[in-house]
Amino acid sequence: MISIVILNWNGSTMIEKYLPHVIQNSEGAEIVVADNASTDDSIVMLKEKFPDIRTIVLEKNWGFADGYNKAFEALEQENKAYNIPLPDYYILLNSDVRTESGWLEPLERYMNEHQDVAACQPKLLSDIAPDYFEYAGACGGYIDRYGYPYCRGRIFETVEKDLGQYDDISEILWATGACMMIRREDYWKAGGLDGRFFAHNEEIDLCWRLNIMGRKVVCIPQSKVYHLGGGTLPKGNPRKTYLNFRNNLTMLYKNLPEEELKNVMRMRTLLDYVAALQMLLLGKNWGDFKAVLKGRRDFKSWKKDFTADRKHIQASYKNRNQVKGKTTLSILWNYYIKGRKTFNVM
């Protein structure tokens, strides 16, 4: 059984536009909308236009990470109360994702046939320019030696046209939170998404923990969906910059092996301040400059809260040298100095 859970916050327009495609093309799966205390007309609209869709209303905006944790907990409590079987798989699906006929079957078939795989994603294409990959996850995610995320089909601002160049099923480090299928059992064994992150980098952190546990994450391009992107925090928003820097550093602190941690954190200190100065001097972006500094400051302040997490994760390592998708290259050096702009020339 599959439960597709769409987390919504003030996304009435997106739900109304994209939910019909999910309903039409997801035969056999349960579809649930979990509302993160929206202040728009989302709940009224759902009752009027989608009365048969199961809705979970959360009491406050928990963000993306804890929003999904709370939604899954509420769903399971309801299922147990009414003697409804718990799902085998959850699919985290953004409210601005368009599906087509047949998108679900390759994911389910592969997961059923490969019990060592904990999570997967489809090929993520742009709903605005369908011939191109979409920024948020493209054809599967990786991180470089200093913790910078990149994808097959998207490195920094360079988004490739989909020419079938990444149509092989591939092990990756992280699957996009825009459309991720995950075994229910693995989700909870890994501890779910880290609610303290609120939003950004939380799916990378979760998938990294799954890899550390010896579980696999893959991209299955035979399934494809179309993502509008942008979400509730558009690109260039200082809040988004802040969350990305704070959470990325926290993710590194939690998951990096002991022998890598000090060197990576030293280099990131240098690189983060260079990035902040570049934002200020080249883009004259005072808000993002302050966001980077605040992100680093707040990471230092709450790092102690993750000491127990780090200790537990380090003890969970199955093989420190075989975490797929965590590469030894520097994506900054390759992209900006060597001019290598695409995944297949890295």
C-alpha atoms as a PDB file:
ATOM      1  CA  MET A   1       0.000   0.000   0.000  1.00  0.00           C
ATOM      2  CA  ILE A   2       1.218   3.492  -0.892  1.00  0.00           C
ATOM      3  CA  SER A   3       0.190   6.719   0.823  1.00  0.00           C
ATOM      4  CA  ILE A   4       0.959   9.837  -1.202  1.00  0.00           C
ATOM      5  CA  VAL A   5       1.133  12.711   1.267  1.00  0.00           C
ATOM      6  CA  ILE A   6       1.052  16.280  -0.015  1.00  0.00           C
ATOM      7  CA  LEU A   7       2.105  18.830   2.601  1.00  0.00           C
ATOM      8  CA  ASN A   8       0.352  22.125   2.067  1.00  0.00           C
ATOM      9  CA  TRP A   9       0.856  25.596   3.476  1.00  0.00           C
ATOM     10  CA  ASN A  10      -1.171  28.403   1.909  1.00  0.00           C
ATOM     11  CA  GLY A  11      -1.047  26.575  -1.401  1.00  0.00           C
ATOM     12  CA  SER A  12      -4.721  26.527  -2.317  1.00  0.00           C
ATOM     13  CA  THR A  13      -4.040  27.585  -5.914  1.00  0.00           C
ATOM     14  CA  MET A  14      -1.349  24.943  -6.383  1.00  0.00           C
ATOM     15  CA  ILE A  15      -3.463  22.179  -4.837  1.00  0.00           C
ATOM     16  CA  GLU A  16      -6.428  23.073  -7.023  1.00  0.00           C
ATOM     17  CA  LYS A  17      -4.257  23.032 -10.157  1.00  0.00           C
ATOM     18  CA  TYR A  18      -2.069  19.966  -9.548  1.00  0.00           C
ATOM     19  CA  LEU A  19      -4.076  17.621  -7.323  1.00  0.00           C
ATOM     20  CA  PRO A  20      -6.413  16.465 -10.148  1.00  0.00           C
ATOM     21  CA  HIS A  21      -3.383  15.070 -12.019  1.00  0.00           C
ATOM     22  CA  VAL A  22      -2.256  13.139  -8.950  1.00  0.00           C
ATOM     23  CA  ILE A  23      -5.764  11.714  -8.442  1.00  0.00           C
ATOM     24  CA  GLN A  24      -6.116  10.721 -12.093  1.00  0.00           C
ATOM     25  CA  ASN A  25      -2.674   9.127 -12.405  1.00  0.00           C
ATOM     26  CA  SER A  26      -2.176   7.395  -9.035  1.00  0.00           C
ATOM     27  CA  GLU A  27      -4.565   4.467  -9.197  1.00  0.00           C
ATOM     28  CA  GLY A  28      -4.228   2.134  -6.243  1.00  0.00           C
ATOM     29  CA  ALA A  29      -2.536   4.657  -3.964  1.00  0.00           C
ATOM     30  CA  GLU A  30      -4.114   6.611  -1.144  1.00  0.00           C
ATOM     31  CA  ILE A  31      -3.812  10.391  -1.504  1.00  0.00           C
ATOM     32  CA  VAL A  32      -3.626  12.540   1.621  1.00  0.00           C
ATOM     33  CA  VAL A  33      -3.328  16.313   1.956  1.00  0.00           C
ATOM     34  CA  ALA A  34      -1.735  17.423   5.225  1.00  0.00           C
ATOM     35  CA  ASP A  35      -2.315  21.095   5.921  1.00  0.00           C
ATOM     36  CA  ASN A  36       0.349  22.991   7.878  1.00  0.00           C
ATOM     37  CA  ALA A  37      -2.075  25.487   9.504  1.00  0.00           C
ATOM     38  CA  SER A  38      -2.754  27.426   6.311  1.00  0.00           C
ATOM     39  CA  THR A  39      -4.288  30.888   6.590  1.00  0.00           C
ATOM     40  CA  ASP A  40      -5.663  30.922   3.047  1.00  0.00           C
ATOM     41  CA  ASP A  41      -8.776  29.063   1.846  1.00  0.00           C
ATOM     42  CA  SER A  42      -7.003  25.697   1.423  1.00  0.00           C
ATOM     43  CA  ILE A  43      -9.262  23.740   3.781  1.00  0.00           C
ATOM     44  CA  VAL A  44     -12.486  25.229   2.429  1.00  0.00           C
ATOM     45  CA  MET A  45     -11.341  24.614  -1.143  1.00  0.00           C
ATOM     46  CA  LEU A  46     -10.458  20.980  -0.391  1.00  0.00           C
ATOM     47  CA  LYS A  47     -13.856  20.335   1.207  1.00  0.00           C
ATOM     48  CA  GLU A  48     -15.699  21.913  -1.701  1.00  0.00           C
ATOM     49  CA  LYS A  49     -13.711  20.603  -4.674  1.00  0.00           C
ATOM     50  CA  PHE A  50     -12.056  17.428  -3.358  1.00  0.00           C
ATOM     51  CA  PRO A  51     -14.457  16.101  -0.710  1.00  0.00           C
ATOM     52  CA  ASP A  52     -13.221  12.505  -1.102  1.00  0.00           C
ATOM     53  CA  ILE A  53      -9.565  13.346  -0.433  1.00  0.00           C
ATOM     54  CA  ARG A  54      -8.372  12.506   3.051  1.00  0.00           C
ATOM     55  CA  THR A  55      -7.211  15.631   4.842  1.00  0.00           C
ATOM     56  CA  ILE A  56      -5.087  16.003   7.955  1.00  0.00           C
ATOM     57  CA  VAL A  57      -5.141  19.435   9.578  1.00  0.00           C
ATOM     58  CA  LEU A  58      -2.100  20.246  11.712  1.00  0.00           C
ATOM     59  CA  GLU A  59      -2.442  22.723  14.554  1.00  0.00           C
ATOM     60  CA  LYS A  60       0.460  24.961  13.489  1.00  0.00           C
ATOM     61  CA  ASN A  61       3.000  25.413  10.710  1.00  0.00           C
ATOM     62  CA  TRP A  62       5.659  22.838  11.553  1.00  0.00           C
ATOM     63  CA  GLY A  63       7.687  23.532   8.426  1.00  0.00           C
ATOM     64  CA  PHE A  64       8.510  20.911   5.813  1.00  0.00           C
ATOM     65  CA  ALA A  65      10.480  18.575   8.067  1.00  0.00           C
ATOM     66  CA  ASP A  66       8.320  18.261  11.154  1.00  0.00           C
ATOM     67  CA  GLY A  67       5.222  18.872   9.051  1.00  0.00           C
ATOM     68  CA  TYR A  68       5.776  15.501   7.405  1.00  0.00           C
ATOM     69  CA  ASN A  69       6.668  13.841  10.710  1.00  0.00           C
ATOM     70  CA  LYS A  70       3.451  15.114  12.300  1.00  0.00           C
ATOM     71  CA  ALA A  71       1.392  14.230   9.219  1.00  0.00           C
ATOM     72  CA  PHE A  72       2.681  10.642   9.139  1.00  0.00           C
ATOM     73  CA  GLU A  73       2.116  10.266  12.878  1.00  0.00           C
ATOM     74  CA  ALA A  74      -1.473  11.535  12.574  1.00  0.00           C
ATOM     75  CA  LEU A  75      -2.137   9.309   9.573  1.00  0.00           C
ATOM     76  CA  GLU A  76      -0.886   6.229  11.405  1.00  0.00           C
ATOM     77  CA  GLN A  77      -2.890   7.052  14.528  1.00  0.00           C
ATOM     78  CA  GLU A  78      -6.054   7.337  12.435  1.00  0.00           C
ATOM     79  CA  ASN A  79      -5.305   4.101  10.601  1.00  0.00           C
ATOM     80  CA  LYS A  80      -4.808   2.222  13.850  1.00  0.00           C
ATOM     81  CA  ALA A  81      -7.985   3.701  15.340  1.00  0.00           C
ATOM     82  CA  TYR A  82     -10.035   2.498  12.372  1.00  0.00           C
ATOM     83  CA  ASN A  83      -8.146  -0.801  11.832  1.00  0.00           C
ATOM     84  CA  ILE A  84      -6.800   0.378   8.483  1.00  0.00           C
ATOM     85  CA  PRO A  85      -3.516  -1.259   7.397  1.00  0.00           C
ATOM     86  CA  LEU A  86      -0.480   0.965   7.613  1.00  0.00           C
ATOM     87  CA  PRO A  87       1.169   1.820   4.279  1.00  0.00           C
ATOM     88  CA  ASP A  88       4.272   0.025   3.069  1.00  0.00           C
ATOM     89  CA  TYR A  89       5.508   3.191   1.381  1.00  0.00           C
ATOM     90  CA  TYR A  90       5.109   6.915   1.814  1.00  0.00           C
ATOM     91  CA  ILE A  91       5.511   9.339  -1.041  1.00  0.00           C
ATOM     92  CA  LEU A  92       6.400  12.901  -0.095  1.00  0.00           C
ATOM     93  CA  LEU A  93       4.973  15.010  -2.901  1.00  0.00           C
ATOM     94  CA  ASN A  94       5.074  18.776  -3.301  1.00  0.00           C
ATOM     95  CA  SER A  95       1.798  20.509  -4.036  1.00  0.00           C
ATOM     96  CA  ASP A  96       3.211  21.902  -7.318  1.00  0.00           C
ATOM     97  CA  VAL A  97       4.134  18.568  -8.920  1.00  0.00           C
ATOM     98  CA  ARG A  98       2.311  17.401 -12.047  1.00  0.00           C
ATOM     99  CA  THR A  99       2.130  13.667 -12.615  1.00  0.00           C
ATOM    100  CA  GLU A 100       1.350  11.720 -15.778  1.00  0.00           C
ATOM    101  CA  SER A 101      -0.089   8.284 -16.389  1.00  0.00           C
ATOM    102  CA  GLY A 102       2.308   5.501 -15.371  1.00  0.00           C
ATOM    103  CA  TRP A 103       4.532   7.557 -13.066  1.00  0.00           C
ATOM    104  CA  LEU A 104       3.922   5.413  -9.994  1.00  0.00           C
ATOM    105  CA  GLU A 105       4.398   1.885 -11.362  1.00  0.00           C
ATOM    106  CA  PRO A 106       8.205   1.988 -12.023  1.00  0.00           C
ATOM    107  CA  LEU A 107       8.864   3.280  -8.504  1.00  0.00           C
ATOM    108  CA  GLU A 108       6.694   0.678  -6.804  1.00  0.00           C
ATOM    109  CA  ARG A 109       7.999  -2.190  -8.939  1.00  0.00           C
ATOM    110  CA  TYR A 110      11.629  -1.322  -8.298  1.00  0.00           C
ATOM    111  CA  MET A 111      11.117  -0.944  -4.561  1.00  0.00           C
ATOM    112  CA  ASN A 112       9.257  -4.242  -4.363  1.00  0.00           C
ATOM    113  CA  GLU A 113      12.059  -6.002  -6.235  1.00  0.00           C
ATOM    114  CA  HIS A 114      14.946  -4.400  -4.317  1.00  0.00           C
ATOM    115  CA  GLN A 115      14.476  -4.773  -0.598  1.00  0.00           C
ATOM    116  CA  ASP A 116      17.856  -3.145   0.098  1.00  0.00           C
ATOM    117  CA  VAL A 117      16.570   0.176  -1.269  1.00  0.00           C
ATOM    118  CA  ALA A 118      15.036   2.489   1.313  1.00  0.00           C
ATOM    119  CA  ALA A 119      14.033   5.422  -0.882  1.00  0.00           C
ATOM    120  CA  CYS A 120      13.859   6.554  -4.478  1.00  0.00           C
ATOM    121  CA  GLN A 121      12.860   9.443  -6.680  1.00  0.00           C
ATOM    122  CA  PRO A 122      11.660   9.805 -10.274  1.00  0.00           C
ATOM    123  CA  LYS A 123      13.230  12.008 -12.905  1.00  0.00           C
ATOM    124  CA  LEU A 124      12.244  15.562 -11.969  1.00  0.00           C
ATOM    125  CA  LEU A 125      11.536  17.835 -14.928  1.00  0.00           C
ATOM    126  CA  SER A 126      10.440  21.459 -15.070  1.00  0.00           C
ATOM    127  CA  ASP A 127       6.731  22.115 -15.467  1.00  0.00           C
ATOM    128  CA  ILE A 128       7.613  25.435 -17.097  1.00  0.00           C
ATOM    129  CA  ALA A 129      10.184  24.011 -19.541  1.00  0.00           C
ATOM    130  CA  PRO A 130       9.376  20.280 -19.749  1.00  0.00           C
ATOM    131  CA  ASP A 131      12.453  19.451 -21.848  1.00  0.00           C
ATOM    132  CA  TYR A 132      14.707  20.534 -18.985  1.00  0.00           C
ATOM    133  CA  PHE A 133      15.447  19.108 -15.565  1.00  0.00           C
ATOM    134  CA  GLU A 134      14.075  20.891 -12.536  1.00  0.00           C
ATOM    135  CA  TYR A 135      16.441  22.476 -10.044  1.00  0.00           C
ATOM    136  CA  ALA A 136      15.150  20.800  -6.868  1.00  0.00           C
ATOM    137  CA  GLY A 137      16.284  17.253  -7.633  1.00  0.00           C
ATOM    138  CA  ALA A 138      16.769  16.679 -11.371  1.00  0.00           C
ATOM    139  CA  CYS A 139      17.919  13.050 -11.796  1.00  0.00           C
ATOM    140  CA  GLY A 140      19.199  12.356  -8.303  1.00  0.00           C
ATOM    141  CA  GLY A 141      21.314  14.135  -5.717  1.00  0.00           C
ATOM    142  CA  TYR A 142      24.937  14.043  -4.569  1.00  0.00           C
ATOM    143  CA  ILE A 143      27.160  16.129  -2.289  1.00  0.00           C
ATOM    144  CA  ASP A 144      30.805  17.045  -2.789  1.00  0.00           C
ATOM    145  CA  ARG A 145      33.592  16.790  -0.216  1.00  0.00           C
ATOM    146  CA  TYR A 146      32.580  20.105   1.403  1.00  0.00           C
ATOM    147  CA  GLY A 147      28.863  19.390   1.584  1.00  0.00           C
ATOM    148  CA  TYR A 148      27.608  21.265  -1.480  1.00  0.00           C
ATOM    149  CA  PRO A 149      24.606  19.482  -3.037  1.00  0.00           C
ATOM    150  CA  TYR A 150      24.351  18.925  -6.783  1.00  0.00           C
ATOM    151  CA  CYS A 151      22.404  16.640  -9.115  1.00  0.00           C
ATOM    152  CA  ARG A 152      22.583  14.659 -12.280  1.00  0.00           C
ATOM    153  CA  GLY A 153      21.212  17.332 -14.585  1.00  0.00           C
ATOM    154  CA  ARG A 154      21.744  20.366 -12.314  1.00  0.00           C
ATOM    155  CA  ILE A 155      24.892  21.901 -10.884  1.00  0.00           C
ATOM    156  CA  PHE A 156      24.475  25.266  -9.159  1.00  0.00           C
ATOM    157  CA  GLU A 157      22.608  27.465 -11.651  1.00  0.00           C
ATOM    158  CA  THR A 158      23.244  25.256 -14.698  1.00  0.00           C
ATOM    159  CA  VAL A 159      20.196  23.127 -15.477  1.00  0.00           C
ATOM    160  CA  GLU A 160      20.592  20.701 -18.358  1.00  0.00           C
ATOM    161  CA  LYS A 161      18.188  19.756 -21.098  1.00  0.00           C
ATOM    162  CA  ASP A 162      16.934  16.191 -20.730  1.00  0.00           C
ATOM    163  CA  LEU A 163      18.342  14.238 -23.658  1.00  0.00           C
ATOM    164  CA  GLY A 164      18.126  10.867 -21.963  1.00  0.00           C
ATOM    165  CA  GLN A 165      21.723  11.212 -20.750  1.00  0.00           C
ATOM    166  CA  TYR A 166      20.782  10.179 -17.203  1.00  0.00           C
ATOM    167  CA  ASP A 167      18.182   7.521 -17.940  1.00  0.00           C
ATOM    168  CA  ASP A 168      20.047   4.769 -16.126  1.00  0.00           C
ATOM    169  CA  ILE A 169      18.855   3.760 -12.663  1.00  0.00           C
ATOM    170  CA  SER A 170      21.554   5.023 -10.335  1.00  0.00           C
ATOM    171  CA  GLU A 171      22.444   4.945  -6.660  1.00  0.00           C
ATOM    172  CA  ILE A 172      22.516   8.464  -5.252  1.00  0.00           C
ATOM    173  CA  LEU A 173      23.103  10.110  -1.895  1.00  0.00           C
ATOM    174  CA  TRP A 174      19.775  11.934  -1.689  1.00  0.00           C
ATOM    175  CA  ALA A 175      16.345  11.884  -3.256  1.00  0.00           C
ATOM    176  CA  THR A 176      14.458  15.123  -3.632  1.00  0.00           C
ATOM    177  CA  GLY A 177      11.791  16.017  -1.082  1.00  0.00           C
ATOM    178  CA  ALA A 178       9.681  17.288  -3.971  1.00  0.00           C
ATOM    179  CA  CYS A 179       8.893  13.670  -4.848  1.00  0.00           C
ATOM    180  CA  MET A 180      10.413  10.952  -2.701  1.00  0.00           C
ATOM    181  CA  MET A 181       9.155   7.413  -2.208  1.00  0.00           C
ATOM    182  CA  ILE A 182      10.359   5.853   1.047  1.00  0.00           C
ATOM    183  CA  ARG A 183       9.637   2.666   2.938  1.00  0.00           C
ATOM    184  CA  ARG A 184       7.613   3.450   6.020  1.00  0.00           C
ATOM    185  CA  GLU A 185       9.806   1.151   8.118  1.00  0.00           C
ATOM    186  CA  ASP A 186      13.016   2.831   6.962  1.00  0.00           C
ATOM    187  CA  TYR A 187      11.598   6.309   7.513  1.00  0.00           C
ATOM    188  CA  TRP A 188      11.015   5.663  11.192  1.00  0.00           C
ATOM    189  CA  LYS A 189      14.153   3.557  11.724  1.00  0.00           C
ATOM    190  CA  ALA A 190      16.224   6.493  10.478  1.00  0.00           C
ATOM    191  CA  GLY A 191      14.350   8.846  12.798  1.00  0.00           C
ATOM    192  CA  GLY A 192      12.332  10.633  10.136  1.00  0.00           C
ATOM    193  CA  LEU A 193      13.121  14.134   8.939  1.00  0.00           C
ATOM    194  CA  ASP A 194      14.927  16.312  11.478  1.00  0.00           C
ATOM    195  CA  GLY A 195      12.196  18.726  12.555  1.00  0.00           C
ATOM    196  CA  ARG A 196      14.725  21.209  13.903  1.00  0.00           C
ATOM    197  CA  PHE A 197      15.771  21.998  10.336  1.00  0.00           C
ATOM    198  CA  PHE A 198      12.252  23.366   9.617  1.00  0.00           C
ATOM    199  CA  ALA A 199      12.996  23.430   5.875  1.00  0.00           C
ATOM    200  CA  HIS A 200      15.938  22.950   3.460  1.00  0.00           C
ATOM    201  CA  ASN A 201      18.558  20.173   3.511  1.00  0.00           C
ATOM    202  CA  GLU A 202      16.269  17.968   5.598  1.00  0.00           C
ATOM    203  CA  GLU A 203      15.809  15.344   2.890  1.00  0.00           C
ATOM    204  CA  ILE A 204      19.568  15.242   2.227  1.00  0.00           C
ATOM    205  CA  ASP A 205      20.172  14.708   5.929  1.00  0.00           C
ATOM    206  CA  LEU A 206      17.601  11.889   6.066  1.00  0.00           C
ATOM    207  CA  CYS A 207      18.969  10.140   2.973  1.00  0.00           C
ATOM    208  CA  TRP A 208      22.536  10.465   4.226  1.00  0.00           C
ATOM    209  CA  ARG A 209      21.488   8.730   7.443  1.00  0.00           C
ATOM    210  CA  LEU A 210      19.850   5.967   5.420  1.00  0.00           C
ATOM    211  CA  ASN A 211      23.096   5.474   3.477  1.00  0.00           C
ATOM    212  CA  ILE A 212      25.073   5.356   6.716  1.00  0.00           C
ATOM    213  CA  MET A 213      22.729   2.615   7.944  1.00  0.00           C
ATOM    214  CA  GLY A 214      23.619   0.566   4.872  1.00  0.00           C
ATOM    215  CA  ARG A 215      20.384   1.267   3.020  1.00  0.00           C
ATOM    216  CA  LYS A 216      20.300   2.442  -0.592  1.00  0.00           C
ATOM    217  CA  VAL A 217      18.746   5.485  -2.262  1.00  0.00           C
ATOM    218  CA  VAL A 218      18.214   5.479  -6.022  1.00  0.00           C
ATOM    219  CA  CYS A 219      16.846   7.532  -8.903  1.00  0.00           C
ATOM    220  CA  ILE A 220      14.484   5.730 -11.279  1.00  0.00           C
ATOM    221  CA  PRO A 221      14.236   7.876 -14.442  1.00  0.00           C
ATOM    222  CA  GLN A 222      11.669   5.535 -16.014  1.00  0.00           C
ATOM    223  CA  SER A 223       9.253   7.458 -13.814  1.00  0.00           C
ATOM    224  CA  LYS A 224       9.040  11.189 -14.426  1.00  0.00           C
ATOM    225  CA  VAL A 225       7.119  14.075 -12.892  1.00  0.00           C
ATOM    226  CA  TYR A 226       7.029  17.814 -13.570  1.00  0.00           C
ATOM    227  CA  HIS A 227       7.782  20.291 -10.800  1.00  0.00           C
ATOM    228  CA  LEU A 228       6.911  23.980 -10.906  1.00  0.00           C
ATOM    229  CA  GLY A 229       9.455  24.824  -8.186  1.00  0.00           C
ATOM    230  CA  GLY A 230      10.022  27.950  -6.144  1.00  0.00           C
ATOM    231  CA  GLY A 231       7.779  26.878  -3.297  1.00  0.00           C
ATOM    232  CA  THR A 232       6.920  29.085  -0.361  1.00  0.00           C
ATOM    233  CA  LEU A 233      10.387  30.683  -0.172  1.00  0.00           C
ATOM    234  CA  PRO A 234      11.432  31.928  -3.605  1.00  0.00           C
ATOM    235  CA  LYS A 235      15.037  32.007  -4.735  1.00  0.00           C
ATOM    236  CA  GLY A 236      16.939  34.999  -3.378  1.00  0.00           C
ATOM    237  CA  ASN A 237      14.925  35.116  -0.161  1.00  0.00           C
ATOM    238  CA  PRO A 238      17.226  35.812   2.841  1.00  0.00           C
ATOM    239  CA  ARG A 239      15.222  33.388   4.974  1.00  0.00           C
ATOM    240  CA  LYS A 240      15.951  30.640   2.452  1.00  0.00           C
ATOM    241  CA  THR A 241      19.641  31.578   2.388  1.00  0.00           C
ATOM    242  CA  TYR A 242      19.761  31.471   6.182  1.00  0.00           C
ATOM    243  CA  LEU A 243      18.114  28.028   6.413  1.00  0.00           C
ATOM    244  CA  ASN A 244      20.341  26.602   3.690  1.00  0.00           C
ATOM    245  CA  PHE A 245      23.583  27.686   5.373  1.00  0.00           C
ATOM    246  CA  ARG A 246      22.547  26.844   8.943  1.00  0.00           C
ATOM    247  CA  ASN A 247      21.078  23.469   8.041  1.00  0.00           C
ATOM    248  CA  ASN A 248      23.860  22.454   5.680  1.00  0.00           C
ATOM    249  CA  LEU A 249      26.480  23.016   8.375  1.00  0.00           C
ATOM    250  CA  THR A 250      24.334  21.134  10.876  1.00  0.00           C
ATOM    251  CA  MET A 251      23.928  18.230   8.457  1.00  0.00           C
ATOM    252  CA  LEU A 252      27.698  18.049   8.003  1.00  0.00           C
ATOM    253  CA  TYR A 253      28.267  18.095  11.746  1.00  0.00           C
ATOM    254  CA  LYS A 254      25.775  15.267  12.248  1.00  0.00           C
ATOM    255  CA  ASN A 255      26.906  12.969   9.460  1.00  0.00           C
ATOM    256  CA  LEU A 256      30.550  13.490   8.500  1.00  0.00           C
ATOM    257  CA  PRO A 257      33.009  10.840   9.713  1.00  0.00           C
ATOM    258  CA  GLU A 258      35.284  12.030  12.504  1.00  0.00           C
ATOM    259  CA  GLU A 259      38.378  11.941  10.308  1.00  0.00           C
ATOM    260  CA  GLU A 260      36.813  14.436   7.860  1.00  0.00           C
ATOM    261  CA  LEU A 261      34.960  16.792  10.162  1.00  0.00           C
ATOM    262  CA  LYS A 262      37.648  19.293  11.218  1.00  0.00           C
ATOM    263  CA  ASN A 263      39.148  19.819   7.770  1.00  0.00           C
ATOM    264  CA  VAL A 264      35.759  20.202   6.113  1.00  0.00           C
ATOM    265  CA  MET A 265      34.512  22.666   8.730  1.00  0.00           C
ATOM    266  CA  ARG A 266      37.691  24.768   8.427  1.00  0.00           C
ATOM    267  CA  MET A 267      37.300  24.957   4.665  1.00  0.00           C
ATOM    268  CA  ARG A 268      33.600  25.746   4.958  1.00  0.00           C
ATOM    269  CA  THR A 269      34.371  28.674   7.258  1.00  0.00           C
ATOM    270  CA  LEU A 270      36.546  30.167   4.530  1.00  0.00           C
ATOM    271  CA  LEU A 271      34.146  29.351   1.698  1.00  0.00           C
ATOM    272  CA  ASP A 272      31.071  30.649   3.539  1.00  0.00           C
ATOM    273  CA  TYR A 273      32.672  34.012   4.252  1.00  0.00           C
ATOM    274  CA  VAL A 274      33.824  34.273   0.640  1.00  0.00           C
ATOM    275  CA  ALA A 275      30.250  33.542  -0.457  1.00  0.00           C
ATOM    276  CA  ALA A 276      28.880  36.179   1.916  1.00  0.00           C
ATOM    277  CA  LEU A 277      31.310  38.823   0.617  1.00  0.00           C
ATOM    278  CA  GLN A 278      30.481  37.914  -2.959  1.00  0.00           C
ATOM    279  CA  MET A 279      26.781  38.385  -2.230  1.00  0.00           C
ATOM    280  CA  LEU A 280      27.511  41.801  -0.762  1.00  0.00           C
ATOM    281  CA  LEU A 281      30.066  43.131  -3.245  1.00  0.00           C
ATOM    282  CA  LEU A 282      28.836  41.665  -6.526  1.00  0.00           C
ATOM    283  CA  GLY A 283      25.119  41.398  -5.941  1.00  0.00           C
ATOM    284  CA  LYS A 284      24.844  44.208  -3.391  1.00  0.00           C
ATOM    285  CA  ASN A 285      22.573  41.833  -1.512  1.00  0.00           C
ATOM    286  CA  TRP A 286      22.713  42.974   2.116  1.00  0.00           C
ATOM    287  CA  GLY A 287      19.916  40.638   3.195  1.00  0.00           C
ATOM    288  CA  ASP A 288      21.632  37.482   1.955  1.00  0.00           C
ATOM    289  CA  PHE A 289      24.986  38.661   3.351  1.00  0.00           C
ATOM    290  CA  LYS A 290      23.475  38.953   6.814  1.00  0.00           C
ATOM    291  CA  ALA A 291      21.633  35.650   6.361  1.00  0.00           C
ATOM    292  CA  VAL A 292      24.903  33.762   5.794  1.00  0.00           C
ATOM    293  CA  LEU A 293      26.475  35.274   8.899  1.00  0.00           C
ATOM    294  CA  LYS A 294      23.376  34.576  10.976  1.00  0.00           C
ATOM    295  CA  GLY A 295      23.225  31.003   9.666  1.00  0.00           C
ATOM    296  CA  ARG A 296      26.816  30.367  10.757  1.00  0.00           C
ATOM    297  CA  ARG A 297      26.270  32.052  14.118  1.00  0.00           C
ATOM    298  CA  ASP A 298      23.129  30.071  14.864  1.00  0.00           C
ATOM    299  CA  PHE A 299      24.797  26.816  13.845  1.00  0.00           C
ATOM    300  CA  LYS A 300      27.522  27.455  16.425  1.00  0.00           C
ATOM    301  CA  SER A 301      24.881  28.243  19.048  1.00  0.00           C
ATOM    302  CA  TRP A 302      22.842  25.071  18.576  1.00  0.00           C
ATOM    303  CA  LYS A 303      25.621  22.651  17.581  1.00  0.00           C
ATOM    304  CA  LYS A 304      25.653  21.253  21.118  1.00  0.00           C
ATOM    305  CA  ASP A 305      22.034  20.162  20.674  1.00  0.00           C
ATOM    306  CA  PHE A 306      23.189  17.690  18.005  1.00  0.00           C
ATOM    307  CA  THR A 307      26.034  16.063  19.940  1.00  0.00           C
ATOM    308  CA  ALA A 308      23.936  13.017  20.840  1.00  0.00           C
ATOM    309  CA  ASP A 309      22.700  12.735  17.235  1.00  0.00           C
ATOM    310  CA  ARG A 310      26.270  12.785  15.968  1.00  0.00           C
ATOM    311  CA  LYS A 311      27.365  10.105  18.429  1.00  0.00           C
ATOM    312  CA  HIS A 312      24.463   7.851  17.429  1.00  0.00           C
ATOM    313  CA  ILE A 313      25.022   8.369  13.707  1.00  0.00           C
ATOM    314  CA  GLN A 314      28.760   7.699  13.943  1.00  0.00           C
ATOM    315  CA  ALA A 315      27.988   4.402  15.690  1.00  0.00           C
ATOM    316  CA  SER A 316      25.596   3.508  12.850  1.00  0.00           C
ATOM    317  CA  TYR A 317      28.180   3.596  10.056  1.00  0.00           C
ATOM    318  CA  LYS A 318      28.214   0.312   8.146  1.00  0.00           C
ATOM    319  CA  ASN A 319      31.116   1.245   5.897  1.00  0.00           C
ATOM    320  CA  ARG A 320      32.644   4.734   5.971  1.00  0.00           C
ATOM    321  CA  ASN A 321      34.113   4.330   2.502  1.00  0.00           C
ATOM    322  CA  GLN A 322      30.940   3.199   0.744  1.00  0.00           C
ATOM    323  CA  VAL A 323      28.384   5.951   1.231  1.00  0.00           C
ATOM    324  CA  LYS A 324      27.126   6.316  -2.334  1.00  0.00           C
ATOM    325  CA  GLY A 325      26.817   9.785  -3.783  1.00  0.00           C
ATOM    326  CA  LYS A 326      29.213  11.483  -1.367  1.00  0.00           C
ATOM    327  CA  THR A 327      32.055  12.388  -3.693  1.00  0.00           C
ATOM    328  CA  THR A 328      35.652  13.453  -3.090  1.00  0.00           C
ATOM    329  CA  LEU A 329      35.656  16.248  -5.677  1.00  0.00           C
ATOM    330  CA  SER A 330      35.169  19.951  -5.019  1.00  0.00           C
ATOM    331  CA  ILE A 331      32.171  21.074  -7.033  1.00  0.00           C
ATOM    332  CA  LEU A 332      33.194  24.743  -6.615  1.00  0.00           C
ATOM    333  CA  TRP A 333      36.661  24.105  -8.100  1.00  0.00           C
ATOM    334  CA  ASN A 334      35.287  22.088 -10.994  1.00  0.00           C
ATOM    335  CA  TYR A 335      32.453  24.477 -11.783  1.00  0.00           C
ATOM    336  CA  TYR A 336      34.085  27.895 -11.369  1.00  0.00           C
ATOM    337  CA  ILE A 337      37.774  27.218 -12.007  1.00  0.00           C
ATOM    338  CA  LYS A 338      37.750  24.312 -14.480  1.00  0.00           C
ATOM    339  CA  GLY A 339      34.496  25.366 -16.140  1.00  0.00           C
ATOM    340  CA  ARG A 340      32.868  21.953 -15.843  1.00  0.00           C
ATOM    341  CA  LYS A 341      29.189  22.771 -15.769  1.00  0.00           C
ATOM    342  CA  THR A 342      27.493  19.393 -16.138  1.00  0.00           C
ATOM    343  CA  PHE A 343      27.438  16.194 -14.125  1.00  0.00           C
ATOM    344  CA  ASN A 344      28.772  13.957 -16.872  1.00  0.00           C
ATOM    345  CA  VAL A 345      32.073  15.867 -17.170  1.00  0.00           C
ATOM    346  CA  MET A 346      32.796  15.966 -13.433  1.00  0.00           C
END
